[in-house]
Amino acid sequence: MLRVLVADDDPASRLFLVEAMRTLGLDAEACNDGKAAIARGREQAFDLLLLDCRMPGAGAQQVLSELRHDPAAPSADSTAVATSAEMDAGERQRLLSGGFSDVLQKPCDLADLRRIVALVQPDASTLPLLDDAQGMASTGSPQIMQAMRNLLRDELVGLYQDLDTSATEIDLTDRLHRLRASCGFCGATALTARVAQVQDHIKLGHAMTPALRERLRGTLLETIEALGPAAV
């Protein structure tokens, strides 16, 4: 189950956001100030951070900055969304430029929150583990597609095992570059998106965090299982 941290000093907003997230299937936790949000982000890995712009101790921008600049924090690379009851175009742009994936204006409703949840939980119909139509378009025949998926499966098993070793970020960068191409040919859509996320993280000069490594491992394992036993 995906985890979300809701940080908001307004009790009504905090209650609504937590209960709405639970309704949408996420495991929601709440805190009422910025310092507590920073502490929880340094202790636990959250898939989504909902951070109010104006909280005692630290607002959304400071919370995110503290976590992003702490590579040891389990939530250093979490998807972050800023929330505010007052938002002009200039502030919205500053927040988006400052690392937030989206900005949510309060009051909001379930439809708004479904859009936010989609940032970390894409619709399975748009990001399947394996897209046969994409694979066929790339390879031209079921036989070639299956042969390439056999090769991809072996590659994924090797990478899954090697993620527990001390491979350097440069080695990982090279492997992910090759893997992204293989995923494209085979229609491994969900893994393509995950690899792109990791590549973006590394390009920014960040080391692989434990939370991001576990997300990559999870998507690798799901794709391996979807590919099934290698066909002869």
C-alpha atoms as a PDB file:
ATOM      1  CA  MET A   1       0.000   0.000   0.000  1.00  0.00           C
ATOM      2  CA  LEU A   2       1.302   3.449  -0.908  1.00  0.00           C
ATOM      3  CA  ARG A   3       2.070   5.784   1.977  1.00  0.00           C
ATOM      4  CA  VAL A   4       1.328   9.491   2.203  1.00  0.00           C
ATOM      5  CA  LEU A   5       2.391  12.062   4.788  1.00  0.00           C
ATOM      6  CA  VAL A   6      -0.079  14.904   5.266  1.00  0.00           C
ATOM      7  CA  ALA A   7       1.475  17.941   6.953  1.00  0.00           C
ATOM      8  CA  ASP A   8      -0.977  20.742   7.742  1.00  0.00           C
ATOM      9  CA  ASP A   9      -1.502  22.954  10.787  1.00  0.00           C
ATOM     10  CA  ASP A  10      -5.237  23.385  10.097  1.00  0.00           C
ATOM     11  CA  PRO A  11      -7.125  20.562  11.884  1.00  0.00           C
ATOM     12  CA  ALA A  12     -10.049  20.524   9.437  1.00  0.00           C
ATOM     13  CA  SER A  13      -7.805  20.385   6.364  1.00  0.00           C
ATOM     14  CA  ARG A  14      -5.605  17.749   7.976  1.00  0.00           C
ATOM     15  CA  LEU A  15      -8.582  15.544   8.863  1.00  0.00           C
ATOM     16  CA  PHE A  16     -10.127  15.802   5.395  1.00  0.00           C
ATOM     17  CA  LEU A  17      -6.879  15.078   3.557  1.00  0.00           C
ATOM     18  CA  VAL A  18      -6.030  12.081   5.718  1.00  0.00           C
ATOM     19  CA  GLU A  19      -9.490  10.520   5.473  1.00  0.00           C
ATOM     20  CA  ALA A  20      -9.736  11.230   1.742  1.00  0.00           C
ATOM     21  CA  MET A  21      -6.380   9.595   1.109  1.00  0.00           C
ATOM     22  CA  ARG A  22      -7.473   6.545   3.066  1.00  0.00           C
ATOM     23  CA  THR A  23     -10.673   6.428   1.031  1.00  0.00           C
ATOM     24  CA  LEU A  24      -8.521   6.403  -2.118  1.00  0.00           C
ATOM     25  CA  GLY A  25      -6.552   3.434  -0.820  1.00  0.00           C
ATOM     26  CA  LEU A  26      -3.428   5.038   0.625  1.00  0.00           C
ATOM     27  CA  ASP A  27      -1.957   4.599   4.079  1.00  0.00           C
ATOM     28  CA  ALA A  28      -2.110   8.170   5.407  1.00  0.00           C
ATOM     29  CA  GLU A  29      -0.231   9.670   8.337  1.00  0.00           C
ATOM     30  CA  ALA A  30      -0.571  13.239   9.619  1.00  0.00           C
ATOM     31  CA  CYS A  31       1.526  15.836  11.401  1.00  0.00           C
ATOM     32  CA  ASN A  32       0.681  19.437  12.253  1.00  0.00           C
ATOM     33  CA  ASP A  33       3.887  21.402  11.645  1.00  0.00           C
ATOM     34  CA  GLY A  34       6.884  21.578   9.366  1.00  0.00           C
ATOM     35  CA  LYS A  35       9.485  20.390  11.837  1.00  0.00           C
ATOM     36  CA  ALA A  36       7.497  17.220  12.482  1.00  0.00           C
ATOM     37  CA  ALA A  37       7.165  16.663   8.730  1.00  0.00           C
ATOM     38  CA  ILE A  38      10.937  16.909   8.300  1.00  0.00           C
ATOM     39  CA  ALA A  39      11.483  14.485  11.181  1.00  0.00           C
ATOM     40  CA  ARG A  40       9.036  11.921   9.771  1.00  0.00           C
ATOM     41  CA  GLY A  41      10.549  12.211   6.303  1.00  0.00           C
ATOM     42  CA  ARG A  42      13.948  11.449   7.807  1.00  0.00           C
ATOM     43  CA  GLU A  43      12.578   8.429   9.644  1.00  0.00           C
ATOM     44  CA  GLN A  44      10.193   6.821   7.161  1.00  0.00           C
ATOM     45  CA  ALA A  45       9.784   6.410   3.402  1.00  0.00           C
ATOM     46  CA  PHE A  46       6.606   7.996   2.045  1.00  0.00           C
ATOM     47  CA  ASP A  47       5.473   7.716  -1.564  1.00  0.00           C
ATOM     48  CA  LEU A  48       3.720  11.087  -1.416  1.00  0.00           C
ATOM     49  CA  LEU A  49       4.195  14.221   0.679  1.00  0.00           C
ATOM     50  CA  LEU A  50       1.261  16.658   0.976  1.00  0.00           C
ATOM     51  CA  LEU A  51       2.822  19.771   2.489  1.00  0.00           C
ATOM     52  CA  ASP A  52       1.011  22.953   3.492  1.00  0.00           C
ATOM     53  CA  CYS A  53       2.794  26.100   2.372  1.00  0.00           C
ATOM     54  CA  ARG A  54       2.408  27.926   5.673  1.00  0.00           C
ATOM     55  CA  MET A  55       3.015  25.841   8.783  1.00  0.00           C
ATOM     56  CA  PRO A  56       4.677  26.600  12.121  1.00  0.00           C
ATOM     57  CA  GLY A  57       8.347  25.689  12.117  1.00  0.00           C
ATOM     58  CA  ALA A  58       8.750  25.249   8.369  1.00  0.00           C
ATOM     59  CA  GLY A  59       6.557  25.699   5.320  1.00  0.00           C
ATOM     60  CA  ALA A  60       6.273  23.312   2.400  1.00  0.00           C
ATOM     61  CA  GLN A  61       9.295  24.701   0.533  1.00  0.00           C
ATOM     62  CA  GLN A  62      11.611  24.429   3.526  1.00  0.00           C
ATOM     63  CA  VAL A  63      10.387  20.919   4.376  1.00  0.00           C
ATOM     64  CA  LEU A  64      11.039  19.730   0.846  1.00  0.00           C
ATOM     65  CA  SER A  65      14.437  21.434   0.680  1.00  0.00           C
ATOM     66  CA  GLU A  66      15.547  19.834   3.949  1.00  0.00           C
ATOM     67  CA  LEU A  67      14.559  16.362   2.753  1.00  0.00           C
ATOM     68  CA  ARG A  68      15.931  16.743  -0.788  1.00  0.00           C
ATOM     69  CA  HIS A  69      19.321  17.793   0.600  1.00  0.00           C
ATOM     70  CA  ASP A  70      19.484  14.862   3.014  1.00  0.00           C
ATOM     71  CA  PRO A  71      20.338  11.786   0.910  1.00  0.00           C
ATOM     72  CA  ALA A  72      20.068   9.595   4.009  1.00  0.00           C
ATOM     73  CA  ALA A  73      16.404  10.537   4.479  1.00  0.00           C
ATOM     74  CA  PRO A  74      14.109   7.704   3.339  1.00  0.00           C
ATOM     75  CA  SER A  75      11.746  10.320   1.842  1.00  0.00           C
ATOM     76  CA  ALA A  76      14.456  12.350   0.098  1.00  0.00           C
ATOM     77  CA  ASP A  77      13.086  11.489  -3.348  1.00  0.00           C
ATOM     78  CA  SER A  78       9.375  11.271  -2.505  1.00  0.00           C
ATOM     79  CA  THR A  79       6.835  12.894  -4.804  1.00  0.00           C
ATOM     80  CA  ALA A  80       5.830  16.189  -3.176  1.00  0.00           C
ATOM     81  CA  VAL A  81       2.691  18.297  -3.595  1.00  0.00           C
ATOM     82  CA  ALA A  82       2.266  21.735  -2.018  1.00  0.00           C
ATOM     83  CA  THR A  83      -1.117  22.693  -0.554  1.00  0.00           C
ATOM     84  CA  SER A  84      -2.432  26.169   0.195  1.00  0.00           C
ATOM     85  CA  ALA A  85      -5.678  28.056   0.728  1.00  0.00           C
ATOM     86  CA  GLU A  86      -4.195  31.089  -1.041  1.00  0.00           C
ATOM     87  CA  MET A  87      -2.272  30.696  -4.253  1.00  0.00           C
ATOM     88  CA  ASP A  88      -1.455  33.125  -7.051  1.00  0.00           C
ATOM     89  CA  ALA A  89       0.162  32.245 -10.371  1.00  0.00           C
ATOM     90  CA  GLY A  90       3.571  33.508  -9.280  1.00  0.00           C
ATOM     91  CA  GLU A  91       3.695  31.416  -6.128  1.00  0.00           C
ATOM     92  CA  ARG A  92       2.443  28.362  -7.991  1.00  0.00           C
ATOM     93  CA  GLN A  93       5.265  28.686 -10.517  1.00  0.00           C
ATOM     94  CA  ARG A  94       7.841  29.142  -7.761  1.00  0.00           C
ATOM     95  CA  LEU A  95       6.685  25.966  -6.072  1.00  0.00           C
ATOM     96  CA  LEU A  96       6.732  23.947  -9.282  1.00  0.00           C
ATOM     97  CA  SER A  97      10.197  25.292 -10.084  1.00  0.00           C
ATOM     98  CA  GLY A  98      11.264  24.442  -6.530  1.00  0.00           C
ATOM     99  CA  GLY A  99      10.695  20.712  -6.910  1.00  0.00           C
ATOM    100  CA  PHE A 100       6.990  20.157  -6.283  1.00  0.00           C
ATOM    101  CA  SER A 101       5.226  17.869  -8.739  1.00  0.00           C
ATOM    102  CA  ASP A 102       1.920  19.716  -8.353  1.00  0.00           C
ATOM    103  CA  VAL A 103       0.159  22.379  -6.304  1.00  0.00           C
ATOM    104  CA  LEU A 104      -3.202  21.756  -4.657  1.00  0.00           C
ATOM    105  CA  GLN A 105      -5.434  24.658  -3.694  1.00  0.00           C
ATOM    106  CA  LYS A 106      -7.745  24.198  -0.718  1.00  0.00           C
ATOM    107  CA  PRO A 107     -10.597  23.584  -0.382  1.00  0.00           C
ATOM    108  CA  CYS A 108     -10.352  20.573  -2.681  1.00  0.00           C
ATOM    109  CA  ASP A 109     -12.436  17.467  -3.349  1.00  0.00           C
ATOM    110  CA  LEU A 110     -11.888  13.788  -4.096  1.00  0.00           C
ATOM    111  CA  ALA A 111     -11.545  14.458  -7.822  1.00  0.00           C
ATOM    112  CA  ASP A 112      -8.626  16.806  -7.118  1.00  0.00           C
ATOM    113  CA  LEU A 113      -7.022  14.221  -4.869  1.00  0.00           C
ATOM    114  CA  ARG A 114      -7.430  11.418  -7.415  1.00  0.00           C
ATOM    115  CA  ARG A 115      -5.361  13.532  -9.785  1.00  0.00           C
ATOM    116  CA  ILE A 116      -2.704  13.892  -7.097  1.00  0.00           C
ATOM    117  CA  VAL A 117      -2.698  10.182  -6.259  1.00  0.00           C
ATOM    118  CA  ALA A 118      -2.191   9.426  -9.959  1.00  0.00           C
ATOM    119  CA  LEU A 119       1.262  11.023  -9.633  1.00  0.00           C
ATOM    120  CA  VAL A 120       2.416   8.050  -7.558  1.00  0.00           C
ATOM    121  CA  GLN A 121      -0.176   5.466  -8.546  1.00  0.00           C
ATOM    122  CA  PRO A 122      -0.748   5.696 -12.285  1.00  0.00           C
ATOM    123  CA  ASP A 123      -3.851   4.113 -13.750  1.00  0.00           C
ATOM    124  CA  ALA A 124      -3.012   0.488 -14.597  1.00  0.00           C
ATOM    125  CA  SER A 125      -4.751   0.921 -17.935  1.00  0.00           C
ATOM    126  CA  THR A 126      -2.260   3.620 -18.952  1.00  0.00           C
ATOM    127  CA  LEU A 127       0.854   2.063 -17.431  1.00  0.00           C
ATOM    128  CA  PRO A 128       0.566  -1.725 -17.695  1.00  0.00           C
ATOM    129  CA  LEU A 129       3.484  -3.902 -16.731  1.00  0.00           C
ATOM    130  CA  LEU A 130       3.514  -5.302 -20.276  1.00  0.00           C
ATOM    131  CA  ASP A 131       1.948  -3.605 -23.286  1.00  0.00           C
ATOM    132  CA  ASP A 132       1.671  -6.215 -26.064  1.00  0.00           C
ATOM    133  CA  ALA A 133       0.599  -3.629 -28.648  1.00  0.00           C
ATOM    134  CA  GLN A 134       3.716  -1.556 -28.002  1.00  0.00           C
ATOM    135  CA  GLY A 135       5.888  -4.671 -28.101  1.00  0.00           C
ATOM    136  CA  MET A 136       4.397  -5.778 -31.406  1.00  0.00           C
ATOM    137  CA  ALA A 137       4.825  -2.334 -32.919  1.00  0.00           C
ATOM    138  CA  SER A 138       8.509  -2.387 -31.953  1.00  0.00           C
ATOM    139  CA  THR A 139       9.390  -5.961 -32.899  1.00  0.00           C
ATOM    140  CA  GLY A 140       6.995  -6.783 -35.750  1.00  0.00           C
ATOM    141  CA  SER A 141       6.069 -10.330 -34.758  1.00  0.00           C
ATOM    142  CA  PRO A 142       5.015 -12.351 -31.689  1.00  0.00           C
ATOM    143  CA  GLN A 143       8.074 -14.602 -32.055  1.00  0.00           C
ATOM    144  CA  ILE A 144      10.572 -11.747 -32.027  1.00  0.00           C
ATOM    145  CA  MET A 145       8.728 -10.027 -29.184  1.00  0.00           C
ATOM    146  CA  GLN A 146       8.834 -13.213 -27.094  1.00  0.00           C
ATOM    147  CA  ALA A 147      12.527 -13.732 -27.835  1.00  0.00           C
ATOM    148  CA  MET A 148      13.309 -10.184 -26.757  1.00  0.00           C
ATOM    149  CA  ARG A 149      11.195 -10.575 -23.623  1.00  0.00           C
ATOM    150  CA  ASN A 150      13.184 -13.713 -22.745  1.00  0.00           C
ATOM    151  CA  LEU A 151      16.378 -11.663 -22.995  1.00  0.00           C
ATOM    152  CA  LEU A 152      14.801  -8.839 -20.987  1.00  0.00           C
ATOM    153  CA  ARG A 153      13.778 -11.238 -18.241  1.00  0.00           C
ATOM    154  CA  ASP A 154      17.362 -12.486 -17.875  1.00  0.00           C
ATOM    155  CA  GLU A 155      18.587  -8.879 -17.778  1.00  0.00           C
ATOM    156  CA  LEU A 156      16.074  -7.944 -15.091  1.00  0.00           C
ATOM    157  CA  VAL A 157      16.936 -10.928 -12.907  1.00  0.00           C
ATOM    158  CA  GLY A 158      20.608  -9.965 -13.056  1.00  0.00           C
ATOM    159  CA  LEU A 159      19.919  -6.321 -12.207  1.00  0.00           C
ATOM    160  CA  TYR A 160      17.557  -7.294  -9.374  1.00  0.00           C
ATOM    161  CA  GLN A 161      20.317  -9.388  -7.803  1.00  0.00           C
ATOM    162  CA  ASP A 162      23.002  -6.763  -8.401  1.00  0.00           C
ATOM    163  CA  LEU A 163      21.040  -3.999  -6.663  1.00  0.00           C
ATOM    164  CA  ASP A 164      22.177  -5.581  -3.406  1.00  0.00           C
ATOM    165  CA  THR A 165      25.834  -5.181  -4.351  1.00  0.00           C
ATOM    166  CA  SER A 166      28.069  -2.122  -4.166  1.00  0.00           C
ATOM    167  CA  ALA A 167      27.770  -1.178  -7.849  1.00  0.00           C
ATOM    168  CA  THR A 168      28.704   2.460  -8.461  1.00  0.00           C
ATOM    169  CA  GLU A 169      26.196   5.017  -9.662  1.00  0.00           C
ATOM    170  CA  ILE A 170      28.133   5.222 -12.963  1.00  0.00           C
ATOM    171  CA  ASP A 171      27.721   1.466 -13.486  1.00  0.00           C
ATOM    172  CA  LEU A 172      24.035   1.769 -12.673  1.00  0.00           C
ATOM    173  CA  THR A 173      23.642   4.696 -15.051  1.00  0.00           C
ATOM    174  CA  ASP A 174      25.051   2.680 -17.934  1.00  0.00           C
ATOM    175  CA  ARG A 175      22.865  -0.313 -17.153  1.00  0.00           C
ATOM    176  CA  LEU A 176      19.728   1.768 -16.839  1.00  0.00           C
ATOM    177  CA  HIS A 177      20.446   3.406 -20.200  1.00  0.00           C
ATOM    178  CA  ARG A 178      20.557  -0.009 -21.866  1.00  0.00           C
ATOM    179  CA  LEU A 179      17.602  -1.295 -19.879  1.00  0.00           C
ATOM    180  CA  ARG A 180      15.373   1.603 -20.867  1.00  0.00           C
ATOM    181  CA  ALA A 181      15.902   0.770 -24.537  1.00  0.00           C
ATOM    182  CA  SER A 182      15.155  -2.915 -23.928  1.00  0.00           C
ATOM    183  CA  CYS A 183      11.970  -2.052 -22.019  1.00  0.00           C
ATOM    184  CA  GLY A 184      10.816   0.116 -24.904  1.00  0.00           C
ATOM    185  CA  PHE A 185      11.227  -2.690 -27.426  1.00  0.00           C
ATOM    186  CA  CYS A 186       9.424  -5.173 -25.169  1.00  0.00           C
ATOM    187  CA  GLY A 187       6.543  -2.945 -24.099  1.00  0.00           C
ATOM    188  CA  ALA A 188       7.559  -2.971 -20.415  1.00  0.00           C
ATOM    189  CA  THR A 189       5.773   0.314 -19.804  1.00  0.00           C
ATOM    190  CA  ALA A 190       5.752   0.526 -16.001  1.00  0.00           C
ATOM    191  CA  LEU A 191       9.449  -0.326 -15.750  1.00  0.00           C
ATOM    192  CA  THR A 192      10.271   2.236 -18.442  1.00  0.00           C
ATOM    193  CA  ALA A 193       8.643   4.933 -16.281  1.00  0.00           C
ATOM    194  CA  ARG A 194      10.460   3.755 -13.136  1.00  0.00           C
ATOM    195  CA  VAL A 195      13.832   3.675 -14.889  1.00  0.00           C
ATOM    196  CA  ALA A 196      13.226   7.208 -16.192  1.00  0.00           C
ATOM    197  CA  GLN A 197      12.528   8.355 -12.615  1.00  0.00           C
ATOM    198  CA  VAL A 198      15.799   6.855 -11.374  1.00  0.00           C
ATOM    199  CA  GLN A 199      17.735   8.343 -14.292  1.00  0.00           C
ATOM    200  CA  ASP A 200      16.347  11.800 -13.566  1.00  0.00           C
ATOM    201  CA  HIS A 201      17.358  11.414  -9.917  1.00  0.00           C
ATOM    202  CA  ILE A 202      20.930  10.458 -10.829  1.00  0.00           C
ATOM    203  CA  LYS A 203      21.223  13.224 -13.443  1.00  0.00           C
ATOM    204  CA  LEU A 204      20.540  15.743 -10.678  1.00  0.00           C
ATOM    205  CA  GLY A 205      23.680  14.491  -8.949  1.00  0.00           C
ATOM    206  CA  HIS A 206      21.892  12.563  -6.201  1.00  0.00           C
ATOM    207  CA  ALA A 207      23.035   9.175  -4.950  1.00  0.00           C
ATOM    208  CA  MET A 208      20.506   6.362  -5.029  1.00  0.00           C
ATOM    209  CA  THR A 209      18.439   6.543  -1.838  1.00  0.00           C
ATOM    210  CA  PRO A 210      17.205   3.383  -0.077  1.00  0.00           C
ATOM    211  CA  ALA A 211      13.591   4.347  -0.824  1.00  0.00           C
ATOM    212  CA  LEU A 212      14.211   4.808  -4.543  1.00  0.00           C
ATOM    213  CA  ARG A 213      16.237   1.603  -4.710  1.00  0.00           C
ATOM    214  CA  GLU A 214      13.332  -0.312  -3.150  1.00  0.00           C
ATOM    215  CA  ARG A 215      10.863   1.193  -5.628  1.00  0.00           C
ATOM    216  CA  LEU A 216      13.086   0.107  -8.503  1.00  0.00           C
ATOM    217  CA  ARG A 217      13.434  -3.366  -7.018  1.00  0.00           C
ATOM    218  CA  GLY A 218       9.662  -3.616  -6.630  1.00  0.00           C
ATOM    219  CA  THR A 219       8.957  -2.691 -10.241  1.00  0.00           C
ATOM    220  CA  LEU A 220      11.719  -5.030 -11.426  1.00  0.00           C
ATOM    221  CA  LEU A 221      10.178  -7.919  -9.502  1.00  0.00           C
ATOM    222  CA  GLU A 222       6.652  -7.175 -10.740  1.00  0.00           C
ATOM    223  CA  THR A 223       7.903  -7.090 -14.345  1.00  0.00           C
ATOM    224  CA  ILE A 224       9.872 -10.325 -13.932  1.00  0.00           C
ATOM    225  CA  GLU A 225       6.741 -12.027 -12.611  1.00  0.00           C
ATOM    226  CA  ALA A 226       4.643 -10.606 -15.472  1.00  0.00           C
ATOM    227  CA  LEU A 227       7.140 -11.927 -18.022  1.00  0.00           C
ATOM    228  CA  GLY A 228       6.811 -15.392 -16.483  1.00  0.00           C
ATOM    229  CA  PRO A 229       9.173 -18.331 -17.103  1.00  0.00           C
ATOM    230  CA  ALA A 230      11.415 -17.871 -20.108  1.00  0.00           C
ATOM    231  CA  ALA A 231       9.792 -19.468 -23.172  1.00  0.00           C
ATOM    232  CA  VAL A 232      11.847 -21.863 -25.236  1.00  0.00           C
END
